[in-house]
N, C-alpha and C. Protein backbone atom coordinates (compact mmCIF):
# COMPACT_ATOMS: atom_id res chain seq x y z
N LYS A 1 34.50 140.51 128.96
CA LYS A 1 34.43 141.79 129.38
C LYS A 1 32.99 142.35 128.65
N GLN A 2 32.23 142.88 128.72
CA GLN A 2 31.69 143.92 127.95
C GLN A 2 32.65 144.91 127.60
N VAL A 3 32.14 145.19 126.03
CA VAL A 3 32.67 146.40 125.73
C VAL A 3 31.57 147.37 125.43
N ALA A 4 31.52 148.71 125.57
CA ALA A 4 30.75 150.05 125.52
C ALA A 4 30.80 150.46 123.87
N GLU A 5 29.82 150.90 123.51
CA GLU A 5 29.57 151.40 122.36
C GLU A 5 30.61 152.66 122.25
N THR A 6 30.99 153.36 122.99
CA THR A 6 31.68 154.80 122.98
C THR A 6 33.43 153.75 123.04
N ASP A 7 33.77 152.92 123.34
CA ASP A 7 34.79 152.46 123.39
C ASP A 7 34.94 151.68 121.96
N LEU A 8 34.07 151.17 121.23
CA LEU A 8 34.01 150.70 119.88
C LEU A 8 34.28 151.67 118.91
N MET A 9 33.56 153.08 119.30
CA MET A 9 33.56 154.08 118.61
C MET A 9 35.17 154.50 118.59
N ALA A 10 35.92 154.59 119.78
CA ALA A 10 36.72 154.92 119.95
C ALA A 10 38.06 154.36 119.53
N MET A 11 38.05 152.94 119.25
CA MET A 11 39.08 152.26 118.64
C MET A 11 39.55 152.87 117.18
N ASN A 12 40.91 152.67 117.11
CA ASN A 12 41.54 152.42 115.58
C ASN A 12 41.17 151.88 114.59
N ASP A 13 41.66 152.58 113.37
CA ASP A 13 40.63 151.52 112.67
C ASP A 13 42.48 150.83 112.40
N MET A 14 41.68 149.43 111.37
CA MET A 14 42.73 148.47 111.51
C MET A 14 43.52 149.08 109.78
N THR A 15 44.67 148.60 109.71
CA THR A 15 45.46 149.18 108.64
C THR A 15 46.21 148.19 108.13
N ASN A 16 46.23 147.17 109.24
CA ASN A 16 47.71 146.29 108.35
C ASN A 16 46.62 145.55 107.33
N PRO A 17 47.37 145.57 106.24
CA PRO A 17 46.46 144.58 104.90
C PRO A 17 46.25 143.63 105.43
N ALA A 18 47.36 142.32 106.00
CA ALA A 18 46.79 141.35 106.15
C ALA A 18 45.97 140.96 107.30
N HIS A 19 45.83 141.93 107.98
CA HIS A 19 44.54 141.70 109.11
C HIS A 19 43.21 141.73 108.43
N LEU A 20 43.29 143.09 107.60
CA LEU A 20 42.09 142.80 106.99
C LEU A 20 41.57 141.98 105.78
N ARG A 21 42.76 141.54 104.94
CA ARG A 21 42.46 140.27 104.21
C ARG A 21 41.77 139.09 105.24
N LEU A 22 42.35 138.96 106.36
CA LEU A 22 42.55 137.52 107.63
C LEU A 22 40.85 138.13 107.72
N ILE A 23 40.24 139.41 107.94
CA ILE A 23 39.27 139.72 108.34
C ILE A 23 37.77 139.73 107.29
N HIS A 24 38.20 139.47 106.31
CA HIS A 24 37.29 139.36 105.04
C HIS A 24 37.70 138.10 104.71
N PHE A 25 38.33 137.28 105.05
CA PHE A 25 38.34 135.40 104.82
C PHE A 25 37.60 135.02 106.08
N TYR A 26 37.27 135.28 107.24
CA TYR A 26 36.66 135.26 108.34
C TYR A 26 34.64 135.41 107.64
N ASN A 27 34.96 136.74 107.35
CA ASN A 27 33.61 137.24 106.70
C ASN A 27 33.15 135.74 106.19
N GLN A 28 33.79 135.47 104.65
CA GLN A 28 33.33 134.98 103.69
C GLN A 28 33.20 133.72 104.70
N ALA A 29 33.41 132.81 105.56
CA ALA A 29 33.87 131.61 105.66
C ALA A 29 32.46 131.55 106.51
N ALA A 30 32.10 132.90 107.35
CA ALA A 30 30.91 132.53 108.59
C ALA A 30 29.67 132.61 107.50
N VAL A 31 29.87 133.36 106.39
CA VAL A 31 28.45 132.79 105.44
C VAL A 31 28.20 131.89 104.74
N ILE A 32 29.76 131.00 104.00
CA ILE A 32 29.74 129.36 104.03
C ILE A 32 29.47 128.69 104.86
N SER A 33 29.68 129.07 106.42
CA SER A 33 29.21 128.01 106.84
C SER A 33 27.71 127.92 107.92
N TYR A 34 27.30 129.12 107.78
CA TYR A 34 25.93 129.46 108.16
C TYR A 34 25.16 128.36 107.09
N PHE A 35 25.73 127.91 105.81
CA PHE A 35 24.48 126.96 105.17
C PHE A 35 25.27 125.48 105.35
N VAL A 36 26.50 125.40 105.42
CA VAL A 36 26.97 124.26 105.52
C VAL A 36 27.40 123.48 106.82
N GLN A 37 28.01 124.18 107.65
CA GLN A 37 28.16 123.87 108.94
C GLN A 37 27.59 124.63 109.61
N PRO A 38 26.34 124.84 110.00
CA PRO A 38 26.24 126.06 110.74
C PRO A 38 26.83 126.04 112.12
N LYS A 39 27.44 124.69 112.87
CA LYS A 39 28.01 124.88 114.52
C LYS A 39 29.06 125.84 114.46
N MET A 40 29.63 125.90 113.27
CA MET A 40 30.99 126.30 113.15
C MET A 40 30.53 128.11 113.48
N ILE A 41 29.68 129.02 112.83
CA ILE A 41 29.18 130.24 112.84
C ILE A 41 30.23 130.84 114.12
N LYS A 42 29.59 130.37 115.22
CA LYS A 42 29.79 131.20 116.64
C LYS A 42 31.29 130.92 116.41
N ARG A 43 31.93 129.90 116.74
CA ARG A 43 33.87 129.65 116.43
C ARG A 43 34.65 131.14 115.70
N ILE A 44 33.49 131.04 114.13
CA ILE A 44 34.20 131.78 113.27
C ILE A 44 33.92 133.13 113.79
N THR A 45 32.54 133.75 113.98
CA THR A 45 32.00 134.84 114.54
C THR A 45 33.16 135.54 115.51
N CYS A 46 33.46 134.83 116.76
CA CYS A 46 34.16 134.69 117.98
C CYS A 46 35.59 135.25 117.45
N ARG A 47 36.19 134.68 116.31
CA ARG A 47 37.92 134.80 116.09
C ARG A 47 37.65 136.05 115.41
N LEU A 48 36.40 136.56 114.76
CA LEU A 48 36.19 138.11 114.15
C LEU A 48 36.25 138.94 115.19
N VAL A 49 35.50 138.77 115.97
CA VAL A 49 35.37 139.80 117.03
C VAL A 49 36.81 139.64 118.02
N GLU A 50 37.49 139.10 118.10
CA GLU A 50 38.95 138.77 118.82
C GLU A 50 39.75 139.73 117.61
N LEU A 51 39.91 139.22 116.52
CA LEU A 51 40.73 139.88 116.04
C LEU A 51 40.40 141.46 115.92
N THR A 52 38.87 142.15 116.09
CA THR A 52 38.62 143.48 116.17
C THR A 52 39.31 144.16 117.29
N LEU A 53 39.23 143.60 118.25
CA LEU A 53 38.84 143.91 119.66
C LEU A 53 40.97 144.06 119.60
N GLU A 54 41.66 142.91 119.08
CA GLU A 54 43.32 143.11 119.10
C GLU A 54 43.84 144.03 118.07
N HIS A 55 43.26 144.53 117.07
CA HIS A 55 43.61 145.20 115.51
C HIS A 55 43.09 146.46 115.42
N GLY A 56 41.53 146.80 116.04
CA GLY A 56 41.05 147.74 115.56
C GLY A 56 40.10 147.28 114.65
N VAL A 57 38.95 148.25 114.39
CA VAL A 57 37.82 148.40 113.72
C VAL A 57 37.90 148.13 111.88
N SER A 58 37.00 147.92 111.55
CA SER A 58 37.55 148.21 110.19
C SER A 58 36.10 148.09 109.04
N LYS A 59 35.79 148.25 108.20
CA LYS A 59 34.84 148.42 106.96
C LYS A 59 34.16 147.00 107.56
N TYR A 60 34.95 146.18 107.64
CA TYR A 60 33.86 144.46 108.14
C TYR A 60 33.39 144.16 109.24
N THR A 61 33.73 145.19 110.29
CA THR A 61 33.57 145.06 112.05
C THR A 61 32.04 144.88 111.71
N ALA A 62 31.39 145.97 111.30
CA ALA A 62 29.73 145.98 111.64
C ALA A 62 29.20 144.73 110.89
N ILE A 63 29.83 144.13 109.93
CA ILE A 63 28.96 142.92 109.67
C ILE A 63 29.33 141.65 110.15
N SER A 64 30.64 141.63 110.83
CA SER A 64 30.90 140.67 111.74
C SER A 64 30.15 140.62 113.15
N LEU A 65 30.03 141.91 113.71
CA LEU A 65 29.85 141.84 114.98
C LEU A 65 28.11 141.66 114.94
N VAL A 66 27.00 142.18 113.56
CA VAL A 66 26.01 141.25 113.49
C VAL A 66 25.83 139.83 113.48
N ARG A 67 26.81 139.53 112.52
CA ARG A 67 27.28 137.69 112.72
C ARG A 67 27.33 137.16 114.12
N TYR A 68 28.01 137.66 114.56
CA TYR A 68 28.35 137.54 115.89
C TYR A 68 26.88 137.45 117.24
N ALA A 69 26.22 138.53 116.91
CA ALA A 69 24.77 138.89 117.48
C ALA A 69 23.95 138.01 117.63
N MET A 70 24.00 137.49 116.27
CA MET A 70 22.85 136.36 115.53
C MET A 70 23.30 135.21 116.39
N THR A 71 24.20 134.75 117.10
CA THR A 71 24.44 133.32 118.17
C THR A 71 24.27 133.84 119.58
N LEU A 72 23.72 134.70 119.88
CA LEU A 72 23.74 135.57 121.18
C LEU A 72 22.51 135.28 121.71
N PRO A 73 22.15 135.21 123.14
CA PRO A 73 20.59 135.36 123.65
C PRO A 73 20.40 136.86 123.28
N SER A 74 18.91 137.07 123.06
CA SER A 74 18.60 137.73 122.51
C SER A 74 18.82 139.56 123.13
N LYS A 75 18.67 139.48 124.46
CA LYS A 75 18.99 140.92 125.20
C LYS A 75 20.87 141.67 124.41
N GLU A 76 21.67 140.67 124.70
CA GLU A 76 23.01 140.61 124.39
C GLU A 76 22.98 140.90 122.59
N ALA A 77 22.41 139.86 122.18
CA ALA A 77 22.48 140.49 120.67
C ALA A 77 21.77 141.39 119.92
N TYR A 78 21.16 142.17 120.77
CA TYR A 78 20.34 142.96 120.53
C TYR A 78 21.12 144.58 120.81
N ARG A 79 22.02 144.37 121.91
CA ARG A 79 22.85 145.65 122.22
C ARG A 79 24.13 145.31 121.37
N ILE A 80 24.55 144.55 120.67
CA ILE A 80 25.76 144.39 119.89
C ILE A 80 25.60 144.57 118.47
N GLY A 81 23.93 144.06 118.32
CA GLY A 81 23.42 144.31 116.95
C GLY A 81 23.55 145.94 116.50
N LYS A 82 22.97 146.85 117.56
CA LYS A 82 23.07 147.97 117.50
C LYS A 82 24.27 148.85 117.14
N MET A 83 25.21 148.41 118.34
CA MET A 83 26.24 148.62 118.06
C MET A 83 26.99 148.55 117.09
N ALA A 84 26.68 147.77 116.15
CA ALA A 84 27.37 147.01 114.97
C ALA A 84 26.79 148.41 113.81
N ILE A 85 25.45 148.41 113.66
CA ILE A 85 24.59 149.72 112.89
C ILE A 85 25.15 150.80 113.21
N SER A 86 25.37 151.19 114.27
CA SER A 86 26.12 152.31 115.13
C SER A 86 27.05 152.87 113.91
N LEU A 87 28.19 151.97 114.25
CA LEU A 87 29.52 151.11 113.72
C LEU A 87 29.59 151.59 112.31
N GLY A 88 28.43 151.00 111.63
CA GLY A 88 28.25 150.87 110.14
C GLY A 88 28.28 152.29 109.61
N ASN A 89 27.91 153.48 110.17
CA ASN A 89 27.80 154.88 109.84
C ASN A 89 29.54 155.50 109.71
N ARG A 90 30.29 154.92 110.29
CA ARG A 90 31.77 155.65 110.61
C ARG A 90 32.33 154.93 109.42
N PHE A 91 31.95 153.98 108.70
CA PHE A 91 32.67 153.65 107.34
C PHE A 91 31.09 153.73 105.70
N ASP A 92 32.04 153.52 104.80
CA ASP A 92 31.33 153.62 103.66
C ASP A 92 31.14 152.42 103.01
N LEU A 93 29.47 152.06 103.63
CA LEU A 93 29.08 150.58 103.99
C LEU A 93 28.68 150.46 102.54
N ILE A 94 28.17 150.98 102.02
CA ILE A 94 27.11 150.80 100.96
C ILE A 94 26.89 149.72 100.21
N ASP A 95 27.79 148.84 100.07
CA ASP A 95 27.40 147.21 99.77
C ASP A 95 27.66 146.12 100.67
N GLN A 96 27.68 146.74 102.51
CA GLN A 96 27.28 145.89 103.02
C GLN A 96 25.93 145.99 104.17
N ILE A 97 25.62 147.39 104.20
CA ILE A 97 24.29 147.71 104.15
C ILE A 97 23.12 146.77 104.21
N PRO A 98 22.73 146.14 103.30
CA PRO A 98 21.40 145.50 102.96
C PRO A 98 21.93 144.30 103.82
N SER A 99 22.87 143.55 103.97
CA SER A 99 23.89 142.28 104.95
C SER A 99 23.46 142.71 106.09
N ILE A 100 23.67 144.03 106.71
CA ILE A 100 23.73 143.71 107.83
C ILE A 100 22.58 143.98 107.93
N TYR A 101 21.43 144.85 107.64
CA TYR A 101 20.22 145.50 108.00
C TYR A 101 19.50 143.53 107.98
N LEU A 102 19.79 143.51 107.14
CA LEU A 102 18.75 141.83 107.06
C LEU A 102 19.16 141.05 108.31
N SER A 103 20.27 140.69 108.18
CA SER A 103 21.11 140.36 109.44
C SER A 103 20.18 140.23 110.95
N PHE A 104 20.50 141.55 111.14
CA PHE A 104 20.02 142.55 112.57
C PHE A 104 18.44 142.17 112.60
N TYR A 105 17.44 142.35 111.65
CA TYR A 105 16.83 142.61 111.71
C TYR A 105 15.86 141.38 111.19
N GLY A 106 16.64 140.22 110.73
CA GLY A 106 15.74 139.32 110.68
C GLY A 106 16.43 137.88 111.38
N TYR A 107 17.49 138.24 112.06
CA TYR A 107 17.92 136.86 112.78
C TYR A 107 17.91 137.95 114.25
N VAL A 108 18.38 138.75 114.92
CA VAL A 108 18.57 139.34 116.04
C VAL A 108 17.32 139.95 116.25
């Protein structure tokens, strides 16, 4: 099922500290896997999207979505990448903006 940008923006924030740590861990694992085991990145990013859909958005959702978009065909990747950039405006992502833009404009 496709998720619309309005649905994503309307989602509640993830507040459970355990879920936030898990999302952060998977994001770090995605970076490492890109260099060490590239075939795993799709599985890791799918899990990140699953956690977001189940528990809400967090400051890590934008980079998670862009990394997921990197694994998709171009039309769908562009749609999800643009949603991620829009979502980035919802949170203070000063530390993630370079990674989000590099991933989107460099790989999507």
